[in-house]
Amino acid sequence: MYHLISLPGSVNAFGRAALLAAVVLLAGCATWTFTPLRESHFVNVDAERLHVEYGREKRTETLANGIVCTYEGKVRLTLPDGKRIVLYQTLTTSGIRYHSGDKRYEFIEKAPYCLLRRQGQVIFEGIFRRQ
């Protein structure tokens, strides 16, 4: 591999370490800065649990028709396999709906019922579980 600018080996190693640290910090910042205001648990028919933490982050979204909507809600989901994802509140006709930033995940909560989709496929369907 050829470099346009050659730095001493120790500087290159330090630079790479600093870059790696910055990437690691920025990649997980959505979940690291999450401050939950309340939480819920949902359970499905297989007794798997979905842990939901509710937070607040103000953001705006411009719809295809030009309407600008402002939302304040977000959730951090802990899936039954332990994976965590952060989703942001979006427009819905009923209930509460959240999407991930890349729109791959959708979480819908309506009364005691919830539904989680990944790329349109239902991956969790459950009801509210009291503590």
N, C-alpha and C. Protein backbone atom coordinates (compact mmCIF):
# COMPACT_ATOMS: atom_id res chain seq x y z
N MET A 1 0.85 -1.16 0.00
CA MET A 1 0.00 0.00 0.00
C MET A 1 0.89 1.23 0.00
N TYR A 2 0.64 2.19 -0.89
CA TYR A 2 1.42 3.41 -0.99
C TYR A 2 0.65 4.57 -0.40
N HIS A 3 1.31 5.42 0.35
CA HIS A 3 0.70 6.59 0.97
C HIS A 3 1.24 7.84 0.31
N LEU A 4 0.37 8.83 0.13
CA LEU A 4 0.82 10.10 -0.42
C LEU A 4 1.69 10.85 0.58
N ILE A 5 1.34 10.73 1.85
CA ILE A 5 2.13 11.37 2.90
C ILE A 5 2.62 10.28 3.82
N SER A 6 3.90 10.25 4.05
CA SER A 6 4.46 9.22 4.90
C SER A 6 4.83 9.84 6.24
N LEU A 7 4.32 9.26 7.30
CA LEU A 7 4.62 9.73 8.65
C LEU A 7 5.43 8.64 9.35
N PRO A 8 6.17 9.01 10.37
CA PRO A 8 6.90 7.98 11.13
C PRO A 8 5.93 6.92 11.64
N GLY A 9 6.41 5.68 11.82
CA GLY A 9 5.57 4.56 12.22
C GLY A 9 4.76 4.80 13.47
N SER A 10 5.34 5.44 14.48
CA SER A 10 4.61 5.67 15.72
C SER A 10 3.46 6.65 15.52
N VAL A 11 3.66 7.65 14.64
CA VAL A 11 2.59 8.60 14.38
C VAL A 11 1.47 7.93 13.61
N ASN A 12 1.82 7.11 12.63
CA ASN A 12 0.80 6.38 11.88
C ASN A 12 -0.02 5.47 12.79
N ALA A 13 0.64 4.77 13.69
CA ALA A 13 -0.05 3.88 14.63
C ALA A 13 -0.95 4.69 15.55
N PHE A 14 -0.46 5.83 16.03
CA PHE A 14 -1.28 6.68 16.90
C PHE A 14 -2.48 7.23 16.13
N GLY A 15 -2.23 7.66 14.91
CA GLY A 15 -3.32 8.20 14.08
C GLY A 15 -4.40 7.16 13.82
N ARG A 16 -3.98 5.93 13.52
CA ARG A 16 -4.94 4.85 13.30
C ARG A 16 -5.73 4.55 14.56
N ALA A 17 -5.07 4.53 15.70
CA ALA A 17 -5.75 4.27 16.97
C ALA A 17 -6.75 5.37 17.28
N ALA A 18 -6.37 6.62 17.02
CA ALA A 18 -7.29 7.74 17.27
C ALA A 18 -8.49 7.67 16.35
N LEU A 19 -8.26 7.34 15.09
CA LEU A 19 -9.36 7.20 14.14
C LEU A 19 -10.29 6.07 14.54
N LEU A 20 -9.75 4.94 14.93
CA LEU A 20 -10.56 3.81 15.37
C LEU A 20 -11.40 4.18 16.59
N ALA A 21 -10.80 4.87 17.55
CA ALA A 21 -11.54 5.29 18.75
C ALA A 21 -12.68 6.23 18.38
N ALA A 22 -12.43 7.17 17.46
CA ALA A 22 -13.47 8.11 17.04
C ALA A 22 -14.62 7.38 16.36
N VAL A 23 -14.31 6.41 15.50
CA VAL A 23 -15.35 5.65 14.81
C VAL A 23 -16.19 4.86 15.80
N VAL A 24 -15.55 4.22 16.75
CA VAL A 24 -16.26 3.43 17.76
C VAL A 24 -17.18 4.32 18.59
N LEU A 25 -16.69 5.48 18.99
CA LEU A 25 -17.51 6.39 19.79
C LEU A 25 -18.69 6.93 19.01
N LEU A 26 -18.48 7.33 17.78
CA LEU A 26 -19.56 7.91 16.99
C LEU A 26 -20.56 6.88 16.52
N ALA A 27 -20.15 5.68 16.26
CA ALA A 27 -21.05 4.64 15.76
C ALA A 27 -22.10 4.26 16.80
N GLY A 28 -21.77 4.29 18.06
CA GLY A 28 -22.71 3.88 19.10
C GLY A 28 -23.32 5.02 19.87
N CYS A 29 -23.16 6.26 19.37
CA CYS A 29 -23.59 7.40 20.18
C CYS A 29 -25.10 7.45 20.37
N ALA A 30 -25.89 6.88 19.44
CA ALA A 30 -27.35 6.93 19.59
C ALA A 30 -27.80 6.16 20.81
N THR A 31 -27.14 5.05 21.13
CA THR A 31 -27.56 4.28 22.29
C THR A 31 -26.83 4.71 23.55
N TRP A 32 -25.61 5.27 23.42
CA TRP A 32 -24.87 5.69 24.59
C TRP A 32 -25.45 6.94 25.22
N THR A 33 -26.07 7.81 24.43
CA THR A 33 -26.60 9.05 24.97
C THR A 33 -28.08 8.94 25.30
N PHE A 34 -28.62 7.77 25.26
CA PHE A 34 -30.05 7.55 25.50
C PHE A 34 -30.34 7.63 26.99
N THR A 35 -31.26 8.52 27.36
CA THR A 35 -31.69 8.66 28.75
C THR A 35 -33.16 8.25 28.83
N PRO A 36 -33.44 7.05 29.36
CA PRO A 36 -34.84 6.60 29.40
C PRO A 36 -35.68 7.38 30.40
N LEU A 37 -36.92 7.70 29.97
CA LEU A 37 -37.88 8.39 30.83
C LEU A 37 -38.82 7.39 31.49
N ARG A 38 -39.10 6.30 30.80
CA ARG A 38 -39.92 5.21 31.33
C ARG A 38 -39.60 3.97 30.52
N GLU A 39 -40.12 2.82 30.95
CA GLU A 39 -39.86 1.59 30.22
C GLU A 39 -41.06 0.66 30.31
N SER A 40 -41.14 -0.26 29.34
CA SER A 40 -42.20 -1.27 29.28
C SER A 40 -41.60 -2.59 28.84
N HIS A 41 -42.35 -3.64 29.08
CA HIS A 41 -41.97 -4.98 28.62
C HIS A 41 -43.15 -5.57 27.87
N PHE A 42 -42.86 -6.23 26.77
CA PHE A 42 -43.87 -6.93 26.01
C PHE A 42 -43.43 -8.39 25.91
N VAL A 43 -44.42 -9.29 25.84
CA VAL A 43 -44.12 -10.73 25.76
C VAL A 43 -44.93 -11.31 24.61
N ASN A 44 -44.33 -12.28 23.90
CA ASN A 44 -45.05 -12.92 22.81
C ASN A 44 -45.50 -14.32 23.24
N VAL A 45 -46.10 -15.08 22.31
CA VAL A 45 -46.63 -16.40 22.66
C VAL A 45 -45.54 -17.42 22.98
N ASP A 46 -44.30 -17.14 22.58
CA ASP A 46 -43.18 -18.03 22.91
C ASP A 46 -42.47 -17.62 24.19
N ALA A 47 -43.08 -16.70 24.95
CA ALA A 47 -42.55 -16.19 26.21
C ALA A 47 -41.25 -15.40 26.03
N GLU A 48 -40.98 -14.89 24.81
CA GLU A 48 -39.83 -14.02 24.58
C GLU A 48 -40.23 -12.61 24.97
N ARG A 49 -39.25 -11.87 25.49
CA ARG A 49 -39.53 -10.52 25.98
C ARG A 49 -38.87 -9.47 25.10
N LEU A 50 -39.60 -8.37 24.91
CA LEU A 50 -39.08 -7.19 24.24
C LEU A 50 -39.09 -6.07 25.27
N HIS A 51 -37.92 -5.53 25.56
CA HIS A 51 -37.78 -4.45 26.53
C HIS A 51 -37.75 -3.13 25.78
N VAL A 52 -38.62 -2.20 26.17
CA VAL A 52 -38.75 -0.91 25.49
C VAL A 52 -38.45 0.20 26.48
N GLU A 53 -37.50 1.06 26.13
CA GLU A 53 -37.19 2.25 26.92
C GLU A 53 -37.58 3.47 26.09
N TYR A 54 -38.32 4.37 26.71
CA TYR A 54 -38.82 5.55 26.01
C TYR A 54 -37.96 6.76 26.37
N GLY A 55 -37.61 7.53 25.37
CA GLY A 55 -36.81 8.72 25.58
C GLY A 55 -37.36 9.88 24.78
N ARG A 56 -36.59 10.95 24.76
CA ARG A 56 -37.04 12.15 24.07
C ARG A 56 -35.88 12.74 23.28
N GLU A 57 -36.13 13.03 22.02
CA GLU A 57 -35.17 13.71 21.16
C GLU A 57 -35.95 14.44 20.09
N LYS A 58 -35.86 15.75 20.07
CA LYS A 58 -36.63 16.54 19.11
C LYS A 58 -35.98 16.44 17.73
N ARG A 59 -36.81 16.12 16.71
CA ARG A 59 -36.33 16.08 15.34
C ARG A 59 -37.48 16.39 14.40
N THR A 60 -37.15 16.80 13.19
CA THR A 60 -38.17 17.11 12.19
C THR A 60 -38.01 16.18 10.99
N GLU A 61 -39.11 15.99 10.30
CA GLU A 61 -39.12 15.13 9.12
C GLU A 61 -39.98 15.82 8.07
N THR A 62 -39.50 15.91 6.84
CA THR A 62 -40.26 16.48 5.74
C THR A 62 -40.86 15.34 4.93
N LEU A 63 -42.19 15.34 4.83
CA LEU A 63 -42.88 14.28 4.11
C LEU A 63 -42.81 14.54 2.61
N ALA A 64 -43.18 13.55 1.81
CA ALA A 64 -43.11 13.66 0.35
C ALA A 64 -43.97 14.80 -0.19
N ASN A 65 -45.06 15.13 0.51
CA ASN A 65 -45.94 16.20 0.05
C ASN A 65 -45.50 17.58 0.54
N GLY A 66 -44.35 17.65 1.21
CA GLY A 66 -43.81 18.94 1.66
C GLY A 66 -44.16 19.33 3.08
N ILE A 67 -45.04 18.59 3.73
CA ILE A 67 -45.42 18.89 5.11
C ILE A 67 -44.25 18.55 6.03
N VAL A 68 -43.95 19.47 6.94
CA VAL A 68 -42.86 19.26 7.89
C VAL A 68 -43.46 18.90 9.25
N CYS A 69 -43.07 17.75 9.78
CA CYS A 69 -43.57 17.28 11.07
C CYS A 69 -42.43 17.31 12.09
N THR A 70 -42.76 17.69 13.32
CA THR A 70 -41.79 17.70 14.40
C THR A 70 -42.20 16.64 15.42
N TYR A 71 -41.23 15.80 15.81
CA TYR A 71 -41.48 14.72 16.76
C TYR A 71 -40.49 14.85 17.92
N GLU A 72 -40.88 14.31 19.06
CA GLU A 72 -39.98 14.32 20.22
C GLU A 72 -39.71 12.94 20.78
N GLY A 73 -40.40 11.93 20.30
CA GLY A 73 -40.27 10.60 20.90
C GLY A 73 -39.24 9.73 20.22
N LYS A 74 -38.62 8.87 21.02
CA LYS A 74 -37.75 7.82 20.50
C LYS A 74 -37.78 6.67 21.49
N VAL A 75 -37.43 5.48 21.02
CA VAL A 75 -37.39 4.30 21.87
C VAL A 75 -36.09 3.56 21.63
N ARG A 76 -35.64 2.87 22.66
CA ARG A 76 -34.53 1.94 22.52
C ARG A 76 -35.10 0.56 22.84
N LEU A 77 -35.05 -0.34 21.87
CA LEU A 77 -35.58 -1.69 22.03
C LEU A 77 -34.44 -2.65 22.32
N THR A 78 -34.66 -3.53 23.29
CA THR A 78 -33.76 -4.64 23.51
C THR A 78 -34.52 -5.88 23.07
N LEU A 79 -34.06 -6.47 21.98
CA LEU A 79 -34.73 -7.61 21.38
C LEU A 79 -34.48 -8.88 22.21
N PRO A 80 -35.29 -9.92 22.01
CA PRO A 80 -35.09 -11.15 22.77
C PRO A 80 -33.68 -11.74 22.65
N ASP A 81 -32.98 -11.49 21.53
CA ASP A 81 -31.62 -12.00 21.36
C ASP A 81 -30.56 -11.09 21.97
N GLY A 82 -30.99 -9.98 22.60
CA GLY A 82 -30.07 -9.07 23.26
C GLY A 82 -29.65 -7.88 22.42
N LYS A 83 -29.95 -7.88 21.14
CA LYS A 83 -29.60 -6.77 20.25
C LYS A 83 -30.39 -5.52 20.64
N ARG A 84 -29.74 -4.36 20.60
CA ARG A 84 -30.39 -3.09 20.91
C ARG A 84 -30.47 -2.22 19.67
N ILE A 85 -31.64 -1.60 19.46
CA ILE A 85 -31.82 -0.67 18.36
C ILE A 85 -32.56 0.56 18.85
N VAL A 86 -32.28 1.70 18.25
CA VAL A 86 -32.95 2.96 18.58
C VAL A 86 -33.82 3.35 17.41
N LEU A 87 -35.09 3.67 17.71
CA LEU A 87 -36.04 4.08 16.68
C LEU A 87 -36.63 5.43 17.06
N TYR A 88 -37.11 6.16 16.04
CA TYR A 88 -37.61 7.52 16.25
C TYR A 88 -39.08 7.60 15.85
N GLN A 89 -39.84 8.37 16.62
CA GLN A 89 -41.27 8.52 16.39
C GLN A 89 -41.53 9.09 15.00
N THR A 90 -42.60 8.61 14.37
CA THR A 90 -42.98 9.09 13.05
C THR A 90 -44.50 9.15 12.94
N LEU A 91 -44.97 9.65 11.83
CA LEU A 91 -46.40 9.86 11.61
C LEU A 91 -47.14 8.53 11.54
N THR A 92 -48.33 8.50 12.15
CA THR A 92 -49.18 7.31 12.12
C THR A 92 -50.64 7.74 12.22
N THR A 93 -51.54 6.90 11.75
CA THR A 93 -52.96 7.23 11.83
C THR A 93 -53.55 6.86 13.18
N SER A 94 -53.00 5.84 13.84
CA SER A 94 -53.46 5.48 15.18
C SER A 94 -52.33 4.78 15.92
N GLY A 95 -52.36 4.84 17.22
CA GLY A 95 -51.29 4.25 18.02
C GLY A 95 -50.04 5.10 17.94
N ILE A 96 -48.90 4.49 18.22
CA ILE A 96 -47.61 5.19 18.16
C ILE A 96 -46.69 4.35 17.29
N ARG A 97 -45.98 5.01 16.37
CA ARG A 97 -45.11 4.30 15.44
C ARG A 97 -43.71 4.90 15.48
N TYR A 98 -42.71 4.02 15.41
CA TYR A 98 -41.31 4.43 15.41
C TYR A 98 -40.59 3.73 14.26
N HIS A 99 -39.63 4.43 13.65
CA HIS A 99 -38.78 3.86 12.60
C HIS A 99 -37.33 4.04 12.97
N SER A 100 -36.49 3.12 12.53
CA SER A 100 -35.04 3.32 12.68
C SER A 100 -34.61 4.36 11.65
N GLY A 101 -33.43 4.92 11.85
CA GLY A 101 -32.92 5.95 10.95
C GLY A 101 -32.85 5.48 9.51
N ASP A 102 -32.54 4.20 9.29
CA ASP A 102 -32.44 3.67 7.93
C ASP A 102 -33.75 3.04 7.45
N LYS A 103 -34.82 3.17 8.23
CA LYS A 103 -36.17 2.66 7.92
C LYS A 103 -36.24 1.14 7.81
N ARG A 104 -35.22 0.42 8.28
CA ARG A 104 -35.27 -1.05 8.24
C ARG A 104 -36.19 -1.61 9.31
N TYR A 105 -36.24 -0.96 10.47
CA TYR A 105 -37.06 -1.43 11.58
C TYR A 105 -38.25 -0.50 11.78
N GLU A 106 -39.40 -1.10 12.13
CA GLU A 106 -40.60 -0.34 12.44
C GLU A 106 -41.21 -0.96 13.70
N PHE A 107 -41.53 -0.12 14.68
CA PHE A 107 -42.14 -0.57 15.93
C PHE A 107 -43.46 0.17 16.08
N ILE A 108 -44.55 -0.58 16.24
CA ILE A 108 -45.88 0.00 16.41
C ILE A 108 -46.41 -0.44 17.76
N GLU A 109 -46.91 0.53 18.51
CA GLU A 109 -47.50 0.25 19.82
C GLU A 109 -48.91 0.80 19.82
N LYS A 110 -49.85 -0.05 20.13
CA LYS A 110 -51.26 0.36 20.14
C LYS A 110 -51.95 -0.32 21.31
N ALA A 111 -52.31 0.49 22.31
CA ALA A 111 -52.90 -0.01 23.56
C ALA A 111 -51.96 -1.04 24.18
N PRO A 112 -52.43 -2.26 24.52
CA PRO A 112 -51.50 -3.22 25.14
C PRO A 112 -50.73 -4.06 24.13
N TYR A 113 -50.82 -3.75 22.85
CA TYR A 113 -50.29 -4.58 21.78
C TYR A 113 -49.08 -3.90 21.12
N CYS A 114 -48.09 -4.69 20.69
CA CYS A 114 -46.97 -4.12 19.92
C CYS A 114 -46.60 -5.05 18.78
N LEU A 115 -45.97 -4.45 17.78
CA LEU A 115 -45.55 -5.16 16.59
C LEU A 115 -44.20 -4.59 16.16
N LEU A 116 -43.24 -5.47 15.89
CA LEU A 116 -41.91 -5.05 15.43
C LEU A 116 -41.63 -5.72 14.11
N ARG A 117 -41.29 -4.90 13.10
CA ARG A 117 -40.97 -5.42 11.77
C ARG A 117 -39.53 -5.06 11.42
N ARG A 118 -38.89 -5.98 10.70
CA ARG A 118 -37.58 -5.71 10.11
C ARG A 118 -37.73 -5.92 8.61
N GLN A 119 -37.51 -4.86 7.86
CA GLN A 119 -37.66 -4.87 6.40
C GLN A 119 -39.00 -5.46 5.98
N GLY A 120 -40.07 -5.07 6.69
CA GLY A 120 -41.42 -5.49 6.36
C GLY A 120 -41.85 -6.81 6.96
N GLN A 121 -40.93 -7.61 7.46
CA GLN A 121 -41.26 -8.92 8.05
C GLN A 121 -41.48 -8.77 9.55
N VAL A 122 -42.56 -9.33 10.06
CA VAL A 122 -42.84 -9.30 11.50
C VAL A 122 -41.82 -10.18 12.20
N ILE A 123 -41.08 -9.59 13.17
CA ILE A 123 -40.12 -10.38 13.94
C ILE A 123 -40.51 -10.48 15.41
N PHE A 124 -41.49 -9.67 15.83
CA PHE A 124 -41.99 -9.78 17.21
C PHE A 124 -43.40 -9.21 17.23
N GLU A 125 -44.29 -9.94 17.90
CA GLU A 125 -45.67 -9.50 18.09
C GLU A 125 -46.06 -9.89 19.50
N GLY A 126 -46.41 -8.93 20.33
CA GLY A 126 -46.68 -9.26 21.71
C GLY A 126 -47.63 -8.31 22.40
N ILE A 127 -47.86 -8.59 23.67
CA ILE A 127 -48.73 -7.75 24.49
C ILE A 127 -47.94 -7.24 25.71
N PHE A 128 -48.45 -6.16 26.28
CA PHE A 128 -47.83 -5.52 27.44
C PHE A 128 -47.80 -6.50 28.60
N ARG A 129 -46.66 -6.51 29.30
CA ARG A 129 -46.49 -7.38 30.46
C ARG A 129 -46.27 -6.51 31.69
N ARG A 130 -47.14 -6.64 32.66
CA ARG A 130 -46.98 -5.89 33.91
C ARG A 130 -45.82 -6.46 34.70
N GLN A 131 -45.15 -5.62 35.45
CA GLN A 131 -43.98 -6.05 36.22
C GLN A 131 -44.36 -6.97 37.34
